Amino acid sequence: MASCPRCSTRPTHSYMVPRMIITTLSIIFYCYDDLSDSFVKTFSCPALDPTEEVAYVGFMRAPGGYWASDMELKCLQGPHAWLALGVGLPGICLICIGWPLITALRWVGYNRNCLMDIDFEERYGFLYADYKPSYFYWDSIVMLRKLAMVVIVVFMNNGPKDGLTTYEVPVALGVIIFTTSIQVMCNPFKTKRANHLELVALSALVIMLYLALFIVPGPPDAIYTLLCVFLLFMNGSLLAYFSGHLINEIGLMVLYKLDDLGDKSEMTWET
């Protein structure tokens, strides 16, 4: 059986390399949150026994930090040192921090003149297609925001012994307020609806973190119950609100598919 002349004469690397790049980009893009959480957690080492001088210091069996995922491993000693320095540190540098910078500055930024090219958009559009051309890098900002939240949760929530839990919510609130301000100033998405939904989600997160400031100290039962009921109501309302927009988008998609008049190009997200 004769082979296709085009396929037989086409270099293998010219076929495989772009697909390997797209596959790698897609995997890291969709798994970035889990990868960041896993790499950062390799350095999560809460203290089991207090490090300061106490009356029972001679009876302490586990002074210092131990890896949160396996309390039998002392922090940065033995197997944990190999894991943290051999896997965690390179992962944080190359994936958690390096990936947003590479996609924004090197991959998408370097090919900025090709962003509107049909072939390039079909391959790599998932990295920038939702944003305005001038904000092609915005997804990297979103990833760095997620990384900041992971770092806050991991390193400021090692237990009350560390005295850091008190600062976890305020620091997280500061990060979200900052990113919400940037979202309001830039409006990076192509459509008004996408910018609106992003602002609603970030604003709801600000409110929840603000209310958490009153929950963490342990308020009276009546206030605690009231705050929990309000948070439950707010989250339920958000779920209904976003579900309504999702149903609306599904309806638009169905209309788009059923349109037989040949004017599908006139039907947009803003319809």
Protein backbone atom coordinates (compact mmCIF):
# COMPACT_ATOMS: atom_id res chain seq x y z
CA MET A 1 0.00 0.00 0.00
CA ALA A 2 1.45 3.30 -1.11
CA SER A 3 1.89 5.97 1.53
CA CYS A 4 0.74 9.53 1.20
CA PRO A 5 3.53 11.50 -0.56
CA ARG A 6 2.92 14.51 1.65
CA CYS A 7 3.24 12.45 4.83
CA SER A 8 6.24 10.48 3.65
CA THR A 9 8.23 13.56 2.68
CA ARG A 10 7.28 15.64 5.72
CA PRO A 11 9.99 15.59 8.42
CA THR A 12 8.90 13.77 11.56
CA HIS A 13 10.11 16.51 13.89
CA SER A 14 8.04 19.16 12.09
CA TYR A 15 4.95 17.10 12.86
CA MET A 16 5.76 15.96 16.39
CA VAL A 17 7.40 19.04 17.94
CA PRO A 18 4.36 21.39 17.69
CA ARG A 19 2.07 18.70 19.07
CA MET A 20 4.40 17.94 21.95
CA ILE A 21 4.56 21.64 22.77
CA ILE A 22 0.76 21.99 22.64
CA THR A 23 0.30 18.90 24.81
CA THR A 24 2.79 20.16 27.40
CA LEU A 25 1.26 23.63 27.44
CA SER A 26 -2.24 22.20 27.84
CA ILE A 27 -1.31 19.84 30.68
CA ILE A 28 0.47 22.52 32.70
CA PHE A 29 -2.23 25.10 31.91
CA TYR A 30 -5.07 22.95 33.26
CA CYS A 31 -3.09 21.37 36.13
CA TYR A 32 -1.27 24.50 37.30
CA ASP A 33 -3.29 24.86 40.52
CA ASP A 34 -2.68 21.27 41.64
CA LEU A 35 0.97 21.34 40.61
CA SER A 36 1.61 24.59 42.49
CA ASP A 37 -0.12 23.26 45.59
CA SER A 38 1.92 20.03 45.50
CA PHE A 39 5.29 21.72 44.95
CA VAL A 40 4.75 24.39 47.61
CA LYS A 41 3.52 21.83 50.14
CA THR A 42 6.84 20.03 50.00
CA PHE A 43 8.11 22.88 52.22
CA SER A 44 5.16 22.80 54.63
CA CYS A 45 6.78 21.85 57.94
CA PRO A 46 4.67 22.66 61.01
CA ALA A 47 6.29 22.38 64.43
CA LEU A 48 4.98 19.56 66.61
CA ASP A 49 6.60 20.69 69.84
CA PRO A 50 7.26 24.35 70.67
CA THR A 51 10.75 25.61 69.96
CA GLU A 52 10.81 28.15 72.81
CA GLU A 53 11.88 27.28 76.33
CA VAL A 54 9.06 25.64 78.30
CA ALA A 55 8.86 23.83 81.61
CA TYR A 56 8.64 20.40 79.97
CA VAL A 57 11.45 20.98 77.46
CA GLY A 58 13.24 17.86 78.68
CA PHE A 59 10.26 15.67 77.79
CA MET A 60 9.73 16.92 74.23
CA ARG A 61 10.01 14.12 71.70
CA ALA A 62 9.51 16.05 68.44
CA PRO A 63 11.09 19.52 68.55
CA GLY A 64 11.39 21.48 65.33
CA GLY A 65 9.44 21.10 62.11
CA TYR A 66 8.14 17.95 60.44
CA TRP A 67 6.78 17.53 56.94
CA ALA A 68 3.01 18.03 57.01
CA SER A 69 2.37 15.13 54.61
CA ASP A 70 4.44 12.65 56.62
CA MET A 71 5.06 13.54 60.23
CA GLU A 72 7.77 10.87 60.50
CA LEU A 73 10.08 12.93 58.27
CA LYS A 74 11.94 15.81 59.90
CA CYS A 75 11.96 18.96 57.84
CA LEU A 76 14.85 19.25 55.34
CA GLN A 77 16.64 16.23 56.73
CA GLY A 78 17.17 12.84 55.13
CA PRO A 79 14.53 11.84 52.53
CA HIS A 80 12.60 15.08 52.93
CA ALA A 81 15.66 17.13 52.03
CA TRP A 82 16.04 15.14 48.79
CA LEU A 83 12.33 15.57 48.04
CA ALA A 84 12.17 19.29 48.85
CA LEU A 85 15.40 20.30 47.14
CA GLY A 86 15.23 17.79 44.28
CA VAL A 87 11.53 18.06 43.39
CA GLY A 88 9.90 20.92 45.30
CA LEU A 89 12.42 23.68 44.65
CA PRO A 90 12.85 22.98 40.90
CA GLY A 91 9.06 22.66 40.58
CA ILE A 92 8.49 26.03 42.23
CA CYS A 93 11.15 27.73 40.08
CA LEU A 94 10.25 26.10 36.76
CA ILE A 95 6.49 25.56 37.04
CA CYS A 96 5.03 27.79 39.75
CA ILE A 97 7.05 30.91 38.90
CA GLY A 98 8.72 30.08 35.60
CA TRP A 99 5.61 28.89 33.77
CA PRO A 100 3.62 32.17 33.98
CA LEU A 101 6.71 34.15 32.99
CA ILE A 102 7.58 31.84 30.09
CA THR A 103 4.06 31.87 28.63
CA ALA A 104 3.65 35.64 29.01
CA LEU A 105 7.09 36.90 28.02
CA ARG A 106 8.61 34.19 25.87
CA TRP A 107 5.94 32.08 24.23
CA VAL A 108 2.92 34.33 23.72
CA GLY A 109 4.83 37.62 23.99
CA TYR A 110 7.50 36.56 21.50
CA ASN A 111 4.76 35.57 19.03
CA ARG A 112 2.65 38.64 19.71
CA ASN A 113 2.40 39.49 16.02
CA CYS A 114 0.90 36.05 15.40
CA LEU A 115 -1.88 36.24 17.99
CA MET A 116 -4.54 36.94 15.37
CA ASP A 117 -3.21 34.31 12.98
CA ILE A 118 -5.79 31.54 12.55
CA ASP A 119 -3.34 28.64 12.75
CA PHE A 120 -1.54 30.08 15.78
CA GLU A 121 -4.83 30.80 17.57
CA GLU A 122 -6.12 27.29 16.92
CA ARG A 123 -3.01 25.87 18.58
CA TYR A 124 -2.36 28.26 21.45
CA GLY A 125 -5.51 30.36 21.70
CA PHE A 126 -6.44 28.80 25.06
CA LEU A 127 -3.60 30.86 26.56
CA TYR A 128 -4.84 34.29 25.46
CA ALA A 129 -8.03 34.14 23.35
CA ASP A 130 -10.31 35.29 26.19
CA TYR A 131 -8.42 38.54 26.69
CA LYS A 132 -7.98 41.75 24.75
CA PRO A 133 -4.88 41.80 22.50
CA SER A 134 -3.20 44.33 24.77
CA TYR A 135 -3.66 41.97 27.76
CA PHE A 136 -2.47 38.76 26.14
CA TYR A 137 -0.42 38.04 29.29
CA TRP A 138 -3.34 38.29 31.74
CA ASP A 139 -3.64 34.57 32.34
CA SER A 140 -0.13 34.65 33.79
CA ILE A 141 -1.29 37.29 36.29
CA VAL A 142 -4.18 35.03 37.28
CA MET A 143 -1.78 32.12 37.79
CA LEU A 144 0.54 34.22 39.96
CA ARG A 145 -2.46 35.28 42.04
CA LYS A 146 -3.34 31.63 42.59
CA LEU A 147 0.27 30.89 43.51
CA ALA A 148 0.22 33.71 46.07
CA MET A 149 -2.92 32.26 47.67
CA VAL A 150 -1.35 28.79 47.81
CA VAL A 151 1.78 30.19 49.50
CA ILE A 152 -0.36 32.05 52.05
CA VAL A 153 -2.45 28.98 52.88
CA VAL A 154 0.55 26.66 53.16
CA PHE A 155 3.04 28.81 55.06
CA MET A 156 0.64 30.82 57.21
CA ASN A 157 -1.49 27.91 58.33
CA ASN A 158 0.97 25.64 60.09
CA GLY A 159 -1.02 25.71 63.29
CA PRO A 160 -1.49 28.12 66.19
CA LYS A 161 1.93 27.23 67.60
CA ASP A 162 3.58 29.21 64.84
CA GLY A 163 1.56 32.32 65.57
CA LEU A 164 1.01 32.87 61.85
CA THR A 165 -2.62 31.79 61.53
CA THR A 166 -3.72 35.24 62.70
CA TYR A 167 -2.14 36.81 59.61
CA GLU A 168 -3.40 34.29 57.05
CA VAL A 169 -6.79 35.89 56.34
CA PRO A 170 -5.63 39.54 56.32
CA VAL A 171 -2.77 38.79 53.94
CA ALA A 172 -5.05 36.79 51.64
CA LEU A 173 -7.59 39.62 51.77
CA GLY A 174 -4.90 42.10 50.77
CA VAL A 175 -3.91 39.98 47.76
CA ILE A 176 -7.50 39.68 46.54
CA ILE A 177 -8.24 43.39 47.04
CA PHE A 178 -5.12 44.23 45.03
CA THR A 179 -6.04 41.90 42.16
CA THR A 180 -9.65 43.14 42.22
CA SER A 181 -8.40 46.71 41.86
CA ILE A 182 -6.28 45.70 38.87
CA GLN A 183 -9.26 43.91 37.34
CA VAL A 184 -11.41 47.05 37.67
CA MET A 185 -8.74 49.30 36.15
CA CYS A 186 -7.83 47.05 33.22
CA ASN A 187 -10.98 45.07 32.31
CA PRO A 188 -8.76 42.61 30.42
CA PHE A 189 -11.45 40.31 28.99
CA LYS A 190 -12.79 40.89 25.51
CA THR A 191 -16.43 41.03 26.58
CA LYS A 192 -18.23 43.10 29.18
CA ARG A 193 -19.97 40.04 30.56
CA ALA A 194 -16.70 38.21 31.24
CA ASN A 195 -15.27 41.26 33.01
CA HIS A 196 -18.46 41.59 35.03
CA LEU A 197 -18.47 37.94 36.11
CA GLU A 198 -14.80 38.10 37.09
CA LEU A 199 -15.46 41.21 39.16
CA VAL A 200 -18.45 39.57 40.85
CA ALA A 201 -16.37 36.50 41.75
CA LEU A 202 -13.48 38.56 43.15
CA SER A 203 -15.84 40.86 45.07
CA ALA A 204 -17.56 37.86 46.65
CA LEU A 205 -14.17 36.50 47.67
CA VAL A 206 -13.30 39.85 49.27
CA ILE A 207 -16.54 39.78 51.29
CA MET A 208 -15.97 36.18 52.42
CA LEU A 209 -12.41 36.88 53.54
CA TYR A 210 -13.53 40.04 55.33
CA LEU A 211 -16.17 38.09 57.25
CA ALA A 212 -13.57 35.43 58.02
CA LEU A 213 -11.73 38.09 60.03
CA PHE A 214 -14.61 37.92 62.51
CA ILE A 215 -14.85 34.12 62.47
CA VAL A 216 -11.19 33.29 63.13
CA PRO A 217 -11.03 34.83 66.66
CA GLY A 218 -14.03 32.71 67.72
CA PRO A 219 -17.01 35.08 68.14
CA PRO A 220 -20.06 34.32 70.32
CA ASP A 221 -22.30 31.52 69.07
CA ALA A 222 -25.06 33.88 67.92
CA ILE A 223 -22.70 36.00 65.79
CA TYR A 224 -20.94 32.89 64.46
CA THR A 225 -24.28 31.39 63.38
CA LEU A 226 -25.36 34.65 61.76
CA LEU A 227 -22.12 34.90 59.77
CA CYS A 228 -22.38 31.28 58.64
CA VAL A 229 -25.99 31.77 57.50
CA PHE A 230 -25.04 34.90 55.57
CA LEU A 231 -22.08 33.15 53.90
CA LEU A 232 -24.29 30.20 52.99
CA PHE A 233 -26.90 32.52 51.49
CA MET A 234 -24.29 34.50 49.57
CA ASN A 235 -22.66 31.40 48.12
CA GLY A 236 -26.04 29.99 47.15
CA SER A 237 -26.94 33.25 45.43
CA LEU A 238 -23.63 33.26 43.58
CA LEU A 239 -24.18 29.68 42.45
CA ALA A 240 -27.62 30.57 41.12
CA TYR A 241 -26.33 33.72 39.44
CA PHE A 242 -23.49 31.99 37.65
CA SER A 243 -25.73 29.03 36.76
CA GLY A 244 -28.13 31.47 35.10
CA HIS A 245 -25.33 32.88 32.96
CA LEU A 246 -24.18 29.36 32.11
CA ILE A 247 -27.68 28.36 31.02
CA ASN A 248 -27.86 31.53 28.93
CA GLU A 249 -24.59 30.64 27.20
CA ILE A 250 -25.84 27.11 26.51
CA GLY A 251 -28.96 28.60 24.96
CA LEU A 252 -26.87 30.87 22.74
CA MET A 253 -24.77 27.90 21.68
CA VAL A 254 -27.88 25.94 20.72
CA LEU A 255 -29.22 28.89 18.72
CA TYR A 256 -25.85 29.20 17.03
CA LYS A 257 -25.94 25.56 16.01
CA LEU A 258 -29.51 25.77 14.78
CA ASP A 259 -29.05 28.98 12.82
CA ASP A 260 -29.73 28.21 9.17
CA LEU A 261 -29.63 31.77 7.87
CA GLY A 262 -25.87 31.93 7.44
CA ASP A 263 -25.45 34.92 9.73
CA LYS A 264 -23.81 33.13 12.66
CA SER A 265 -21.04 35.69 12.70
CA GLU A 266 -23.56 38.22 14.03
CA MET A 267 -24.29 36.16 17.13
CA THR A 268 -21.76 36.98 19.85
CA TRP A 269 -21.43 36.61 23.61
CA GLU A 270 -22.96 40.04 24.05
CA THR A 271 -26.17 38.97 22.29
